[in-house]
């Protein structure tokens, strides 16, 4: 359960922003989306490898 303490006179928008940030850090939405459909472990590994190659390619381009 996420608790965001709000002091007297504090801005509601600030508290909402803190709540959203804490909620995003928990990873609940990310986990729900990943559980929506089953993915084979080999497909997950392949996707992670492709992402790593892509990121490495971008880093090499930025160095040049």
PDB file of N, CA and C in Angstrom:
ATOM      1  N   UNK A   1       0.837  -1.164   0.000  1.00  0.00           N
ATOM      2  CA  UNK A   1       0.000   0.000   0.000  1.00  0.00           C
ATOM      3  C   UNK A   1       0.889   1.237   0.000  1.00  0.00           C
ATOM      4  N   UNK A   2       0.548   2.179  -0.832  1.00  0.00           N
ATOM      5  CA  UNK A   2       1.331   3.402  -0.967  1.00  0.00           C
ATOM      6  C   UNK A   2       0.710   4.488  -0.093  1.00  0.00           C
ATOM      7  N   UNK A   3       1.543   5.081   0.748  1.00  0.00           N
ATOM      8  CA  UNK A   3       1.087   6.150   1.625  1.00  0.00           C
ATOM      9  C   UNK A   3       1.871   7.413   1.302  1.00  0.00           C
ATOM     10  N   UNK A   4       1.147   8.501   1.063  1.00  0.00           N
ATOM     11  CA  UNK A   4       1.767   9.793   0.793  1.00  0.00           C
ATOM     12  C   UNK A   4       1.265  10.763   1.857  1.00  0.00           C
ATOM     13  N   UNK A   5       2.120  11.120   2.814  1.00  0.00           N
ATOM     14  CA  UNK A   5       1.680  12.062   3.849  1.00  0.00           C
ATOM     15  C   UNK A   5       1.509  13.469   3.270  1.00  0.00           C
ATOM     16  N   UNK A   6       0.385  14.090   3.599  1.00  0.00           N
ATOM     17  CA  UNK A   6       0.100  15.446   3.131  1.00  0.00           C
ATOM     18  C   UNK A   6      -0.044  16.337   4.353  1.00  0.00           C
ATOM     19  N   UNK A   7       0.785  17.368   4.408  1.00  0.00           N
ATOM     20  CA  UNK A   7       0.730  18.293   5.532  1.00  0.00           C
ATOM     21  C   UNK A   7      -0.350  19.339   5.289  1.00  0.00           C
ATOM     22  N   UNK A   8      -0.735  19.984   6.345  1.00  0.00           N
ATOM     23  CA  UNK A   8      -1.759  21.029   6.258  1.00  0.00           C
ATOM     24  C   UNK A   8      -1.250  22.161   5.376  1.00  0.00           C
ATOM     25  N   UNK A   9      -2.021  22.524   4.372  1.00  0.00           N
ATOM     26  CA  UNK A   9      -1.646  23.622   3.498  1.00  0.00           C
ATOM     27  C   UNK A   9      -0.787  23.197   2.315  1.00  0.00           C
ATOM     28  N   UNK A  10      -0.433  21.910   2.215  1.00  0.00           N
ATOM     29  CA  UNK A  10       0.353  21.440   1.073  1.00  0.00           C
ATOM     30  C   UNK A  10      -0.508  21.390  -0.180  1.00  0.00           C
ATOM     31  N   UNK A  11       0.148  21.495  -1.294  1.00  0.00           N
ATOM     32  CA  UNK A  11      -0.526  21.474  -2.581  1.00  0.00           C
ATOM     33  C   UNK A  11      -0.923  20.040  -2.934  1.00  0.00           C
ATOM     34  N   UNK A  12      -2.154  19.848  -3.368  1.00  0.00           N
ATOM     35  CA  UNK A  12      -2.643  18.523  -3.745  1.00  0.00           C
ATOM     36  C   UNK A  12      -1.898  18.003  -4.970  1.00  0.00           C
ATOM     37  N   UNK A  13      -1.556  18.882  -5.898  1.00  0.00           N
ATOM     38  CA  UNK A  13      -0.845  18.455  -7.100  1.00  0.00           C
ATOM     39  C   UNK A  13       0.513  17.849  -6.748  1.00  0.00           C
ATOM     40  N   UNK A  14       1.181  18.424  -5.732  1.00  0.00           N
ATOM     41  CA  UNK A  14       2.469  17.885  -5.298  1.00  0.00           C
ATOM     42  C   UNK A  14       2.301  16.477  -4.723  1.00  0.00           C
ATOM     43  N   UNK A  15       1.266  16.312  -3.915  1.00  0.00           N
ATOM     44  CA  UNK A  15       1.012  15.004  -3.313  1.00  0.00           C
ATOM     45  C   UNK A  15       0.670  13.979  -4.389  1.00  0.00           C
ATOM     46  N   UNK A  16      -0.100  14.387  -5.375  1.00  0.00           N
ATOM     47  CA  UNK A  16      -0.455  13.484  -6.466  1.00  0.00           C
ATOM     48  C   UNK A  16       0.775  13.101  -7.271  1.00  0.00           C
ATOM     49  N   UNK A  17       1.660  14.059  -7.476  1.00  0.00           N
ATOM     50  CA  UNK A  17       2.898  13.796  -8.200  1.00  0.00           C
ATOM     51  C   UNK A  17       3.768  12.795  -7.441  1.00  0.00           C
ATOM     52  N   UNK A  18       3.855  12.953  -6.108  1.00  0.00           N
ATOM     53  CA  UNK A  18       4.606  12.010  -5.274  1.00  0.00           C
ATOM     54  C   UNK A  18       4.000  10.617  -5.354  1.00  0.00           C
ATOM     55  N   UNK A  19       2.659  10.560  -5.314  1.00  0.00           N
ATOM     56  CA  UNK A  19       1.980   9.275  -5.395  1.00  0.00           C
ATOM     57  C   UNK A  19       2.276   8.584  -6.719  1.00  0.00           C
ATOM     58  N   UNK A  20       2.194   9.330  -7.811  1.00  0.00           N
ATOM     59  CA  UNK A  20       2.457   8.752  -9.127  1.00  0.00           C
ATOM     60  C   UNK A  20       3.886   8.236  -9.225  1.00  0.00           C
ATOM     61  N   UNK A  21       4.833   8.989  -8.666  1.00  0.00           N
ATOM     62  CA  UNK A  21       6.230   8.588  -8.707  1.00  0.00           C
ATOM     63  C   UNK A  21       6.445   7.303  -7.910  1.00  0.00           C
ATOM     64  N   UNK A  22       5.849   7.225  -6.706  1.00  0.00           N
ATOM     65  CA  UNK A  22       5.980   6.028  -5.890  1.00  0.00           C
ATOM     66  C   UNK A  22       5.328   4.831  -6.566  1.00  0.00           C
ATOM     67  N   UNK A  23       4.161   5.059  -7.165  1.00  0.00           N
ATOM     68  CA  UNK A  23       3.448   3.989  -7.847  1.00  0.00           C
ATOM     69  C   UNK A  23       4.254   3.476  -9.031  1.00  0.00           C
ATOM     70  N   UNK A  24       4.889   4.373  -9.773  1.00  0.00           N
ATOM     71  CA  UNK A  24       5.704   3.971 -10.915  1.00  0.00           C
ATOM     72  C   UNK A  24       6.903   3.153 -10.465  1.00  0.00           C
ATOM     73  N   UNK A  25       7.495   3.497  -9.313  1.00  0.00           N
ATOM     74  CA  UNK A  25       8.654   2.769  -8.799  1.00  0.00           C
ATOM     75  C   UNK A  25       8.303   1.346  -8.380  1.00  0.00           C
ATOM     76  N   UNK A  26       7.055   1.112  -7.982  1.00  0.00           N
ATOM     77  CA  UNK A  26       6.669  -0.238  -7.584  1.00  0.00           C
ATOM     78  C   UNK A  26       6.655  -1.188  -8.769  1.00  0.00           C
ATOM     79  N   UNK A  27       6.412  -0.673  -9.968  1.00  0.00           N
ATOM     80  CA  UNK A  27       6.419  -1.506 -11.164  1.00  0.00           C
ATOM     81  C   UNK A  27       5.154  -2.324 -11.340  1.00  0.00           C
ATOM     82  N   UNK A  28       4.076  -1.945 -10.689  1.00  0.00           N
ATOM     83  CA  UNK A  28       2.831  -2.710 -10.752  1.00  0.00           C
ATOM     84  C   UNK A  28       2.246  -2.717 -12.163  1.00  0.00           C
ATOM     85  N   UNK A  29       2.223  -1.584 -12.818  1.00  0.00           N
ATOM     86  CA  UNK A  29       1.650  -1.506 -14.158  1.00  0.00           C
ATOM     87  C   UNK A  29       2.503  -2.300 -15.137  1.00  0.00           C
ATOM     88  N   UNK A  30       3.821  -2.187 -15.015  1.00  0.00           N
ATOM     89  CA  UNK A  30       4.732  -2.917 -15.892  1.00  0.00           C
ATOM     90  C   UNK A  30       4.523  -4.425 -15.744  1.00  0.00           C
ATOM     91  N   UNK A  31       4.368  -4.876 -14.503  1.00  0.00           N
ATOM     92  CA  UNK A  31       4.158  -6.298 -14.261  1.00  0.00           C
ATOM     93  C   UNK A  31       2.817  -6.770 -14.820  1.00  0.00           C
ATOM     94  N   UNK A  32       1.776  -5.976 -14.648  1.00  0.00           N
ATOM     95  CA  UNK A  32       0.462  -6.345 -15.198  1.00  0.00           C
ATOM     96  C   UNK A  32       0.517  -6.468 -16.717  1.00  0.00           C
ATOM     97  N   UNK A  33       1.202  -5.564 -17.355  1.00  0.00           N
ATOM     98  CA  UNK A  33       1.307  -5.621 -18.816  1.00  0.00           C
ATOM     99  C   UNK A  33       2.110  -6.838 -19.259  1.00  0.00           C
ATOM    100  N   UNK A  34       3.146  -7.180 -18.519  1.00  0.00           N
ATOM    101  CA  UNK A  34       3.948  -8.339 -18.901  1.00  0.00           C
ATOM    102  C   UNK A  34       3.194  -9.639 -18.660  1.00  0.00           C
ATOM    103  N   UNK A  35       2.295  -9.666 -17.685  1.00  0.00           N
ATOM    104  CA  UNK A  35       1.524 -10.872 -17.393  1.00  0.00           C
ATOM    105  C   UNK A  35       0.284 -11.014 -18.278  1.00  0.00           C
ATOM    106  N   UNK A  36       0.017 -10.020 -19.080  1.00  0.00           N
ATOM    107  CA  UNK A  36      -1.164 -10.059 -19.935  1.00  0.00           C
ATOM    108  C   UNK A  36      -1.132 -11.269 -20.866  1.00  0.00           C
ATOM    109  N   UNK A  37       0.055 -11.592 -21.372  1.00  0.00           N
ATOM    110  CA  UNK A  37       0.196 -12.752 -22.237  1.00  0.00           C
ATOM    111  C   UNK A  37       1.500 -13.462 -21.907  1.00  0.00           C
ATOM    112  N   UNK A  38       1.511 -14.765 -22.088  1.00  0.00           N
ATOM    113  CA  UNK A  38       2.694 -15.560 -21.770  1.00  0.00           C
ATOM    114  C   UNK A  38       3.754 -15.367 -22.837  1.00  0.00           C
ATOM    115  N   UNK A  39       4.996 -15.213 -22.383  1.00  0.00           N
ATOM    116  CA  UNK A  39       6.121 -15.125 -23.302  1.00  0.00           C
ATOM    117  C   UNK A  39       7.114 -16.221 -22.965  1.00  0.00           C
ATOM    118  N   UNK A  40       7.576 -16.900 -23.981  1.00  0.00           N
ATOM    119  CA  UNK A  40       8.536 -17.955 -23.757  1.00  0.00           C
ATOM    120  C   UNK A  40       9.844 -17.350 -23.240  1.00  0.00           C
ATOM    121  N   UNK A  41      10.528 -18.074 -22.352  1.00  0.00           N
ATOM    122  CA  UNK A  41      11.812 -17.569 -21.837  1.00  0.00           C
ATOM    123  C   UNK A  41      12.820 -17.280 -22.948  1.00  0.00           C
ATOM    124  N   UNK A  42      12.822 -18.106 -23.994  1.00  0.00           N
ATOM    125  CA  UNK A  42      13.756 -17.873 -25.098  1.00  0.00           C
ATOM    126  C   UNK A  42      13.433 -16.565 -25.822  1.00  0.00           C
ATOM    127  N   UNK A  43      12.151 -16.242 -25.932  1.00  0.00           N
ATOM    128  CA  UNK A  43      11.754 -14.985 -26.584  1.00  0.00           C
ATOM    129  C   UNK A  43      12.167 -13.793 -25.731  1.00  0.00           C
ATOM    130  N   UNK A  44      12.048 -13.927 -24.419  1.00  0.00           N
ATOM    131  CA  UNK A  44      12.458 -12.845 -23.511  1.00  0.00           C
ATOM    132  C   UNK A  44      13.957 -12.603 -23.627  1.00  0.00           C
ATOM    133  N   UNK A  45      14.744 -13.701 -23.648  1.00  0.00           N
ATOM    134  CA  UNK A  45      16.197 -13.576 -23.773  1.00  0.00           C
ATOM    135  C   UNK A  45      16.578 -12.960 -25.113  1.00  0.00           C
ATOM    136  N   UNK A  46      15.896 -13.378 -26.167  1.00  0.00           N
ATOM    137  CA  UNK A  46      16.194 -12.849 -27.492  1.00  0.00           C
ATOM    138  C   UNK A  46      15.917 -11.352 -27.551  1.00  0.00           C
ATOM    139  N   UNK A  47      14.791 -10.938 -26.980  1.00  0.00           N
ATOM    140  CA  UNK A  47      14.432  -9.521 -26.975  1.00  0.00           C
ATOM    141  C   UNK A  47      15.446  -8.710 -26.161  1.00  0.00           C
ATOM    142  N   UNK A  48      15.887  -9.259 -25.030  1.00  0.00           N
ATOM    143  CA  UNK A  48      16.878  -8.563 -24.205  1.00  0.00           C
ATOM    144  C   UNK A  48      18.200  -8.426 -24.955  1.00  0.00           C
ATOM    145  N   UNK A  49      18.584  -9.473 -25.687  1.00  0.00           N
ATOM    146  CA  UNK A  49      19.827  -9.427 -26.459  1.00  0.00           C
ATOM    147  C   UNK A  49      19.728  -8.388 -27.573  1.00  0.00           C
ATOM    148  N   UNK A  50      18.596  -8.367 -28.275  1.00  0.00           N
ATOM    149  CA  UNK A  50      18.401  -7.376 -29.339  1.00  0.00           C
ATOM    150  C   UNK A  50      18.454  -5.957 -28.787  1.00  0.00           C
ATOM    151  N   UNK A  51      17.870  -5.749 -27.616  1.00  0.00           N
ATOM    152  CA  UNK A  51      17.893  -4.428 -26.997  1.00  0.00           C
ATOM    153  C   UNK A  51      19.320  -4.030 -26.628  1.00  0.00           C
ATOM    154  N   UNK A  52      20.095  -4.983 -26.089  1.00  0.00           N
ATOM    155  CA  UNK A  52      21.473  -4.700 -25.705  1.00  0.00           C
ATOM    156  C   UNK A  52      22.310  -4.334 -26.932  1.00  0.00           C
ATOM    157  N   UNK A  53      22.112  -5.042 -28.033  1.00  0.00           N
ATOM    158  CA  UNK A  53      22.847  -4.743 -29.268  1.00  0.00           C
ATOM    159  C   UNK A  53      22.474  -3.356 -29.770  1.00  0.00           C
ATOM    160  N   UNK A  54      21.191  -3.032 -29.720  1.00  0.00           N
ATOM    161  CA  UNK A  54      20.712  -1.727 -30.173  1.00  0.00           C
ATOM    162  C   UNK A  54      21.308  -0.598 -29.331  1.00  0.00           C
ATOM    163  N   UNK A  55      21.311  -0.764 -28.014  1.00  0.00           N
ATOM    164  CA  UNK A  55      21.848   0.260 -27.113  1.00  0.00           C
ATOM    165  C   UNK A  55      23.345   0.429 -27.336  1.00  0.00           C
ATOM    166  N   UNK A  56      24.043  -0.690 -27.522  1.00  0.00           N
ATOM    167  CA  UNK A  56      25.476  -0.615 -27.761  1.00  0.00           C
ATOM    168  C   UNK A  56      25.767   0.112 -29.077  1.00  0.00           C
ATOM    169  N   UNK A  57      24.945  -0.150 -30.084  1.00  0.00           N
ATOM    170  CA  UNK A  57      25.110   0.536 -31.373  1.00  0.00           C
ATOM    171  C   UNK A  57      24.903   2.041 -31.211  1.00  0.00           C
ATOM    172  N   UNK A  58      23.902   2.439 -30.438  1.00  0.00           N
ATOM    173  CA  UNK A  58      23.659   3.862 -30.201  1.00  0.00           C
ATOM    174  C   UNK A  58      24.824   4.514 -29.466  1.00  0.00           C
ATOM    175  N   UNK A  59      25.389   3.798 -28.491  1.00  0.00           N
ATOM    176  CA  UNK A  59      26.518   4.352 -27.748  1.00  0.00           C
ATOM    177  C   UNK A  59      27.732   4.536 -28.642  1.00  0.00           C
ATOM    178  N   UNK A  60      27.957   3.570 -29.542  1.00  0.00           N
ATOM    179  CA  UNK A  60      29.083   3.699 -30.461  1.00  0.00           C
ATOM    180  C   UNK A  60      28.897   4.875 -31.413  1.00  0.00           C
ATOM    181  N   UNK A  61      27.669   5.105 -31.853  1.00  0.00           N
ATOM    182  CA  UNK A  61      27.396   6.244 -32.721  1.00  0.00           C
ATOM    183  C   UNK A  61      27.628   7.568 -31.996  1.00  0.00           C
ATOM    184  N   UNK A  62      27.261   7.633 -30.732  1.00  0.00           N
ATOM    185  CA  UNK A  62      27.444   8.868 -29.970  1.00  0.00           C
ATOM    186  C   UNK A  62      28.905   9.171 -29.717  1.00  0.00           C
ATOM    187  N   UNK A  63      29.733   8.145 -29.611  1.00  0.00           N
ATOM    188  CA  UNK A  63      31.166   8.354 -29.373  1.00  0.00           C
ATOM    189  C   UNK A  63      31.853   8.943 -30.590  1.00  0.00           C
ATOM    190  N   UNK A  64      31.362   8.618 -31.786  1.00  0.00           N
ATOM    191  CA  UNK A  64      32.023   9.076 -33.015  1.00  0.00           C
ATOM    192  C   UNK A  64      31.660  10.453 -33.363  1.00  0.00           C
TER     193      UNK A  64
END
